[in-house]
Amino acid sequence: MSEVEKVRLSLDEVAALSRAILTRHGLAPRHVEAVTATIVAGERDECASHGVYRLLVCVNTLNTGKVVKDAIPVVHDVAPALVRVDAGGGFAQTAFEAGLPSLVEKARANGIAAFGINHCVHFAALWPEVEAIAEQGLVAFACTPSHAWVAPAGGIKPLFGTNPIAFGWPRPGDYPYVFDFATSAVARGEIELHRRAGKPIPEGWGIDSEGQPTTDAKAALDGAMLTFGGHKGSALATMVELIAGPMIGDMTSAESIALDAGVGSSPIGGEFILAIDPAGFLGAEAAGHIERAEAVFDAITGQGARLPSQRRFEARARSLANGVHVPRQLYQDVQALLD
């Protein structure tokens, strides 16, 4: 895509645009700020499917009435190492912010703590959350179901969500070790961006409504997405369904899409998060063992391999210095949300 087909924006301009649009569509101020932070983070790190594009997704969900625009998250102190937040039907970001201090406190007190978010609307990546936990010196794991868009390995009908898994490990320096990936072959937003651009998708991303392999983005969206790695991705997707669904008393992806009833909102359900304090296992020796872990990372990069999120962190440095470039058509579509 040429520079003529893009619009350059500073990150402050991305934030202002997000605030204006979300406010225009009735989202309460606390949610506006939390969602805007996620939108800016996605665009800043050149994760196009989780940046400005997600404003279209958010506004569509707001217009369906499936998200509570002024929800107030309620924090429940369940047990010494457990915290739950009832999001009240609001976006997940505000619920995460409400429960994070308790999660960190419990993890430090007990060595490990779990956090369940219930009754939330989820549209974003998980890496901002595991990064926030890793910045506290804790190891983090997070996962969430979504809508039933993905067929199990060997099947042809949607059953799983994209069911992302994210992990964060604290490191010396500016950035933790982080990975965040869907258990589907690709995030659904990537297929939607291909559809918008009129581009074919790679083989292995999806099947059509008859269960046949397809490179047509719309056919895959109308049919079913596929898990990565065949049965391995399918098993991980099942794990996410279980521990971020029934285990915390929330919905599976199939139940979420049934509740959606065809209106096309973002997924509704829960999220499971785990935080581990290395000092809880190792005491005063924790810092030394965390330093030993650096040898693993050095061994990876030392042979020319890339750490997960390395490109994203490099993109972050570029964006902080130079701003971001948004496809002109997408920018125009987003601007139209202010009318």
Protein backbone atom coordinates (compact mmCIF):
# COMPACT_ATOMS: atom_id res chain seq x y z
CA MET A 1 0.00 0.00 0.00
CA SER A 2 1.51 3.34 -1.05
CA GLU A 3 1.92 6.30 1.28
CA VAL A 4 -0.81 8.09 -0.69
CA GLU A 5 -3.24 5.39 0.43
CA LYS A 6 -2.36 5.93 4.10
CA VAL A 7 -2.97 8.63 6.69
CA ARG A 8 -0.24 9.48 9.17
CA LEU A 9 -1.38 10.03 12.76
CA SER A 10 0.46 10.70 15.98
CA LEU A 11 -0.43 8.42 18.88
CA ASP A 12 -2.09 11.40 20.58
CA GLU A 13 -4.26 11.82 17.47
CA VAL A 14 -5.19 8.13 17.57
CA ALA A 15 -6.18 8.53 21.22
CA ALA A 16 -8.21 11.67 20.51
CA LEU A 17 -9.99 9.98 17.62
CA SER A 18 -10.83 6.97 19.79
CA ARG A 19 -12.11 9.11 22.65
CA ALA A 20 -14.28 11.20 20.33
CA ILE A 21 -15.85 8.18 18.64
CA LEU A 22 -16.48 6.16 21.78
CA THR A 23 -17.93 9.19 23.57
CA ARG A 24 -20.11 9.97 20.55
CA HIS A 25 -21.61 6.49 20.83
CA GLY A 26 -22.38 6.79 24.53
CA LEU A 27 -19.60 4.89 26.26
CA ALA A 28 -19.01 6.10 29.82
CA PRO A 29 -15.77 8.05 30.44
CA ARG A 30 -14.03 5.34 32.51
CA HIS A 31 -14.60 2.80 29.76
CA VAL A 32 -13.60 5.30 27.07
CA GLU A 33 -10.17 5.71 28.62
CA ALA A 34 -9.58 1.99 29.16
CA VAL A 35 -10.70 1.01 25.66
CA THR A 36 -8.76 3.89 24.09
CA ALA A 37 -5.57 2.70 25.80
CA THR A 38 -6.05 -0.70 24.17
CA ILE A 39 -6.78 0.79 20.72
CA VAL A 40 -3.68 3.00 20.92
CA ALA A 41 -1.51 0.08 22.08
CA GLY A 42 -2.59 -2.05 19.13
CA GLU A 43 -1.93 0.68 16.57
CA ARG A 44 1.32 1.72 18.27
CA ASP A 45 2.68 -1.81 18.05
CA GLU A 46 1.62 -2.20 14.39
CA CYS A 47 -0.97 -4.84 15.25
CA ALA A 48 -3.38 -3.57 12.61
CA SER A 49 -6.16 -6.00 13.44
CA HIS A 50 -6.20 -4.74 17.05
CA GLY A 51 -5.70 -1.02 16.50
CA VAL A 52 -7.88 1.65 14.88
CA TYR A 53 -9.82 -1.07 13.05
CA ARG A 54 -11.24 -2.18 16.40
CA LEU A 55 -13.15 1.09 16.70
CA LEU A 56 -15.49 -0.27 14.01
CA VAL A 57 -15.89 -3.41 16.11
CA CYS A 58 -16.51 -1.48 19.35
CA VAL A 59 -19.09 0.84 17.84
CA ASN A 60 -20.93 -2.04 16.21
CA THR A 61 -21.09 -3.77 19.60
CA LEU A 62 -22.27 -0.57 21.28
CA ASN A 63 -24.99 -0.19 18.68
CA THR A 64 -26.23 -3.76 19.18
CA GLY A 65 -26.90 -3.07 22.84
CA LYS A 66 -24.86 -6.12 23.86
CA VAL A 67 -22.44 -4.12 26.02
CA VAL A 68 -23.39 -2.10 29.09
CA LYS A 69 -22.03 1.35 28.33
CA ASP A 70 -21.77 2.52 31.95
CA ALA A 71 -21.08 -0.80 33.70
CA ILE A 72 -19.37 -0.60 37.08
CA PRO A 73 -17.08 -3.59 37.75
CA VAL A 74 -17.50 -5.22 41.16
CA VAL A 75 -14.45 -6.84 42.78
CA HIS A 76 -15.04 -10.00 44.86
CA ASP A 77 -12.35 -11.17 47.29
CA VAL A 78 -13.06 -14.89 46.90
CA ALA A 79 -10.14 -16.43 48.79
CA PRO A 80 -6.54 -15.60 49.80
CA ALA A 81 -5.28 -16.41 46.30
CA LEU A 82 -8.44 -15.81 44.25
CA VAL A 83 -10.12 -12.65 43.00
CA ARG A 84 -13.13 -12.33 40.71
CA VAL A 85 -14.50 -9.24 39.03
CA ASP A 86 -18.03 -9.05 37.72
CA ALA A 87 -17.70 -6.76 34.72
CA GLY A 88 -21.44 -6.16 34.70
CA GLY A 89 -21.67 -6.59 30.96
CA GLY A 90 -19.05 -3.93 30.24
CA PHE A 91 -15.84 -4.11 28.25
CA ALA A 92 -13.15 -6.31 29.80
CA GLN A 93 -10.50 -3.59 30.05
CA THR A 94 -12.19 -1.74 32.91
CA ALA A 95 -12.80 -4.96 34.82
CA PHE A 96 -9.12 -5.89 34.43
CA GLU A 97 -8.05 -2.50 35.77
CA ALA A 98 -10.38 -2.92 38.75
CA GLY A 99 -9.01 -6.34 39.72
CA LEU A 100 -5.31 -5.94 38.91
CA PRO A 101 -4.22 -4.40 42.24
CA SER A 102 -5.83 -7.25 44.17
CA LEU A 103 -4.29 -9.87 41.86
CA VAL A 104 -0.80 -8.42 42.36
CA GLU A 105 -1.26 -8.18 46.13
CA LYS A 106 -2.50 -11.77 46.39
CA ALA A 107 0.26 -13.14 44.17
CA ARG A 108 2.92 -11.49 46.31
CA ALA A 109 1.31 -12.68 49.52
CA ASN A 110 0.76 -16.28 48.40
CA GLY A 111 3.29 -16.84 45.60
CA ILE A 112 0.48 -17.43 43.11
CA ALA A 113 -2.98 -16.00 42.49
CA ALA A 114 -5.80 -16.44 39.99
CA PHE A 115 -8.17 -13.81 38.62
CA GLY A 116 -11.47 -14.49 36.94
CA ILE A 117 -13.33 -11.81 34.98
CA ASN A 118 -17.01 -12.60 34.48
CA HIS A 119 -19.78 -11.12 32.33
CA CYS A 120 -17.46 -9.06 30.15
CA VAL A 121 -17.38 -8.11 26.48
CA HIS A 122 -14.00 -8.90 24.94
CA PHE A 123 -12.73 -7.48 21.63
CA ALA A 124 -9.00 -7.02 22.12
CA ALA A 125 -5.65 -8.74 22.43
CA LEU A 126 -4.44 -10.11 25.77
CA TRP A 127 -0.83 -8.92 25.62
CA PRO A 128 -1.52 -5.51 27.23
CA GLU A 129 -2.78 -7.38 30.29
CA VAL A 130 0.09 -9.85 30.66
CA GLU A 131 2.54 -6.99 30.04
CA ALA A 132 0.94 -5.02 32.87
CA ILE A 133 1.34 -8.01 35.21
CA ALA A 134 4.93 -8.74 34.11
CA GLU A 135 5.81 -5.08 34.77
CA GLN A 136 5.05 -5.86 38.42
CA GLY A 137 7.76 -8.53 38.40
CA LEU A 138 5.25 -11.37 38.12
CA VAL A 139 4.89 -14.20 35.61
CA ALA A 140 1.51 -14.02 33.86
CA PHE A 141 -0.84 -16.26 31.91
CA ALA A 142 -4.21 -15.26 30.42
CA CYS A 143 -6.81 -16.80 28.14
CA THR A 144 -10.38 -16.19 27.00
CA PRO A 145 -12.95 -17.88 24.76
CA SER A 146 -14.74 -15.83 22.11
CA HIS A 147 -17.55 -16.59 19.64
CA ALA A 148 -17.77 -20.03 18.01
CA TRP A 149 -15.97 -19.29 14.75
CA VAL A 150 -13.41 -22.11 14.68
CA ALA A 151 -13.88 -25.76 13.78
CA PRO A 152 -12.16 -28.45 15.89
CA ALA A 153 -9.47 -30.48 14.15
CA GLY A 154 -11.19 -32.95 11.86
CA GLY A 155 -14.50 -31.11 12.07
CA ILE A 156 -16.22 -28.71 9.69
CA LYS A 157 -18.55 -26.70 11.94
CA PRO A 158 -17.61 -23.77 14.22
CA LEU A 159 -17.36 -24.74 17.89
CA PHE A 160 -14.39 -22.91 19.43
CA GLY A 161 -13.56 -19.26 19.57
CA THR A 162 -10.21 -17.92 18.43
CA ASN A 163 -9.37 -18.61 22.10
CA PRO A 164 -6.13 -16.67 22.58
CA ILE A 165 -3.43 -17.58 25.09
CA ALA A 166 -0.96 -15.01 26.40
CA PHE A 167 2.13 -15.32 28.61
CA GLY A 168 4.40 -12.73 30.18
CA TRP A 169 7.81 -13.13 31.87
CA PRO A 170 9.54 -10.23 33.64
CA ARG A 171 12.96 -9.26 32.29
CA PRO A 172 15.56 -6.60 33.03
CA GLY A 173 15.23 -3.66 30.68
CA ASP A 174 12.28 -2.02 28.99
CA TYR A 175 10.21 -5.00 27.88
CA PRO A 176 9.17 -8.39 29.27
CA TYR A 177 9.09 -11.63 27.32
CA VAL A 178 5.55 -11.86 25.96
CA PHE A 179 3.64 -14.01 23.57
CA ASP A 180 -0.02 -13.73 22.67
CA PHE A 181 -1.53 -15.91 19.98
CA ALA A 182 -4.89 -17.23 18.95
CA THR A 183 -5.32 -20.98 18.99
CA SER A 184 -6.91 -20.46 15.57
CA ALA A 185 -4.50 -20.26 12.66
CA VAL A 186 -4.90 -16.47 12.70
CA ALA A 187 -6.92 -13.81 14.51
CA ARG A 188 -10.36 -13.27 13.01
CA GLY A 189 -9.55 -9.60 12.49
CA GLU A 190 -6.77 -10.58 10.08
CA ILE A 191 -9.27 -12.38 7.86
CA GLU A 192 -11.61 -9.40 8.05
CA LEU A 193 -8.79 -7.07 6.99
CA HIS A 194 -8.10 -9.34 4.01
CA ARG A 195 -11.80 -9.20 3.12
CA ARG A 196 -11.82 -5.40 3.32
CA ALA A 197 -8.73 -5.22 1.09
CA GLY A 198 -10.06 -7.78 -1.43
CA LYS A 199 -7.07 -10.04 -0.80
CA PRO A 200 -7.05 -13.84 -0.68
CA ILE A 201 -6.15 -15.51 2.59
CA PRO A 202 -3.46 -18.21 2.84
CA GLU A 203 -4.51 -21.83 2.72
CA GLY A 204 -5.04 -23.29 6.17
CA TRP A 205 -6.80 -20.26 7.64
CA GLY A 206 -10.35 -21.37 6.99
CA ILE A 207 -12.90 -23.55 5.25
CA ASP A 208 -16.12 -22.62 3.49
CA SER A 209 -19.65 -23.47 4.62
CA GLU A 210 -19.35 -26.88 2.93
CA GLY A 211 -16.18 -27.69 4.87
CA GLN A 212 -13.90 -27.25 1.85
CA PRO A 213 -10.53 -25.43 2.04
CA THR A 214 -10.76 -21.85 0.81
CA THR A 215 -8.58 -18.81 0.17
CA ASP A 216 -11.61 -16.52 -0.07
CA ALA A 217 -11.79 -14.37 3.07
CA LYS A 218 -15.57 -13.95 3.01
CA ALA A 219 -16.10 -17.67 2.45
CA ALA A 220 -13.93 -18.42 5.49
CA LEU A 221 -15.80 -15.88 7.60
CA ASP A 222 -19.09 -17.46 6.53
CA GLY A 223 -17.74 -20.99 7.02
CA ALA A 224 -15.26 -21.79 9.77
CA MET A 225 -11.77 -20.81 10.78
CA LEU A 226 -9.18 -23.49 11.52
CA THR A 227 -6.95 -24.09 14.54
CA PHE A 228 -3.19 -23.79 14.17
CA GLY A 229 -1.23 -27.03 14.24
CA GLY A 230 -4.25 -29.25 13.68
CA HIS A 231 -5.06 -31.37 16.73
CA LYS A 232 -2.56 -29.51 18.93
CA GLY A 233 -4.24 -26.14 18.47
CA SER A 234 -7.60 -27.84 18.85
CA ALA A 235 -6.57 -29.29 22.23
CA LEU A 236 -5.37 -25.89 23.44
CA ALA A 237 -8.62 -24.30 22.26
CA THR A 238 -10.52 -26.89 24.31
CA MET A 239 -8.42 -26.05 27.37
CA VAL A 240 -9.31 -22.36 27.01
CA GLU A 241 -13.01 -23.20 26.65
CA LEU A 242 -12.86 -25.13 29.93
CA ILE A 243 -10.73 -22.97 32.24
CA ALA A 244 -12.09 -19.61 31.06
CA GLY A 245 -15.64 -20.92 30.67
CA PRO A 246 -17.17 -23.51 33.05
CA MET A 247 -14.30 -23.37 35.56
CA ILE A 248 -14.98 -19.70 36.32
CA GLY A 249 -18.72 -20.00 35.81
CA ASP A 250 -18.88 -18.27 32.45
CA MET A 251 -19.81 -19.03 28.86
CA THR A 252 -18.24 -21.17 26.22
CA SER A 253 -17.75 -19.80 22.71
CA ALA A 254 -20.81 -21.69 21.48
CA GLU A 255 -22.91 -20.18 24.26
CA SER A 256 -21.54 -16.71 23.52
CA ILE A 257 -22.47 -16.80 19.85
CA ALA A 258 -25.90 -18.20 20.70
CA LEU A 259 -26.49 -15.24 23.03
CA ASP A 260 -25.36 -12.92 20.24
CA ALA A 261 -28.34 -14.19 18.22
CA GLY A 262 -26.88 -13.03 14.93
CA VAL A 263 -26.47 -9.31 15.72
CA GLY A 264 -22.68 -9.43 15.29
CA SER A 265 -21.49 -8.11 18.64
CA SER A 266 -18.12 -8.84 20.21
CA PRO A 267 -17.83 -12.03 22.30
CA ILE A 268 -19.44 -12.08 25.72
CA GLY A 269 -18.14 -14.24 28.55
CA GLY A 270 -15.14 -14.51 30.86
CA GLU A 271 -11.38 -14.39 31.11
CA PHE A 272 -8.95 -16.37 33.25
CA ILE A 273 -5.67 -14.86 34.45
CA LEU A 274 -2.89 -16.36 36.56
CA ALA A 275 -0.06 -14.44 38.24
CA ILE A 276 3.00 -16.11 39.80
CA ASP A 277 5.57 -14.40 42.00
CA PRO A 278 9.02 -15.98 41.49
CA ALA A 279 9.93 -14.91 45.02
CA GLY A 280 7.12 -17.07 46.33
CA PHE A 281 8.98 -20.14 45.07
CA LEU A 282 12.53 -18.96 45.46
CA GLY A 283 12.67 -16.30 48.16
CA ALA A 284 15.86 -14.26 48.11
CA GLU A 285 17.23 -16.41 45.28
CA ALA A 286 14.51 -15.28 42.85
CA ALA A 287 16.52 -12.49 41.21
CA GLY A 288 19.41 -14.82 40.46
CA HIS A 289 17.20 -17.40 38.82
CA ILE A 290 15.37 -14.77 36.78
CA GLU A 291 18.79 -13.66 35.58
CA ARG A 292 19.58 -17.26 34.58
CA ALA A 293 16.54 -17.18 32.33
CA GLU A 294 18.28 -14.52 30.25
CA ALA A 295 20.63 -17.23 29.00
CA VAL A 296 17.63 -18.91 27.36
CA PHE A 297 16.68 -15.72 25.54
CA ASP A 298 20.28 -15.06 24.54
CA ALA A 299 20.56 -18.59 23.13
CA ILE A 300 17.47 -17.97 21.00
CA THR A 301 18.54 -14.63 19.58
CA GLY A 302 22.18 -15.68 19.40
CA GLN A 303 21.40 -18.09 16.57
CA GLY A 304 19.39 -15.52 14.63
CA ALA A 305 15.94 -16.50 15.87
CA ARG A 306 13.39 -13.92 16.95
CA LEU A 307 11.72 -13.70 20.34
CA PRO A 308 7.93 -13.39 20.33
CA SER A 309 6.82 -9.73 20.38
CA GLN A 310 10.27 -8.56 19.23
CA ARG A 311 8.79 -7.05 16.07
CA ARG A 312 6.01 -5.51 18.12
CA PHE A 313 8.48 -3.84 20.48
CA GLU A 314 10.51 -2.58 17.52
CA ALA A 315 7.31 -1.18 16.01
CA ARG A 316 6.54 0.50 19.34
CA ALA A 317 9.81 2.40 19.22
CA ARG A 318 9.09 3.55 15.65
CA SER A 319 5.55 4.62 16.47
CA LEU A 320 6.55 6.54 19.57
CA ALA A 321 9.06 8.46 17.46
CA ASN A 322 7.20 8.85 14.18
CA GLY A 323 3.51 8.13 14.66
CA VAL A 324 1.54 5.51 12.75
CA HIS A 325 0.10 5.04 9.25
CA VAL A 326 -3.53 3.99 8.88
CA PRO A 327 -5.04 2.87 5.55
CA ARG A 328 -6.96 5.83 4.14
CA GLN A 329 -10.16 3.86 3.53
CA LEU A 330 -10.12 2.56 7.10
CA TYR A 331 -9.50 6.07 8.40
CA GLN A 332 -12.45 7.38 6.41
CA ASP A 333 -14.67 4.56 7.65
CA VAL A 334 -13.69 5.32 11.23
CA GLN A 335 -14.18 9.07 10.78
CA ALA A 336 -17.70 8.36 9.53
CA LEU A 337 -18.50 7.02 12.99
CA LEU A 338 -18.46 10.64 14.22
CA ASP A 339 -21.39 11.61 11.95
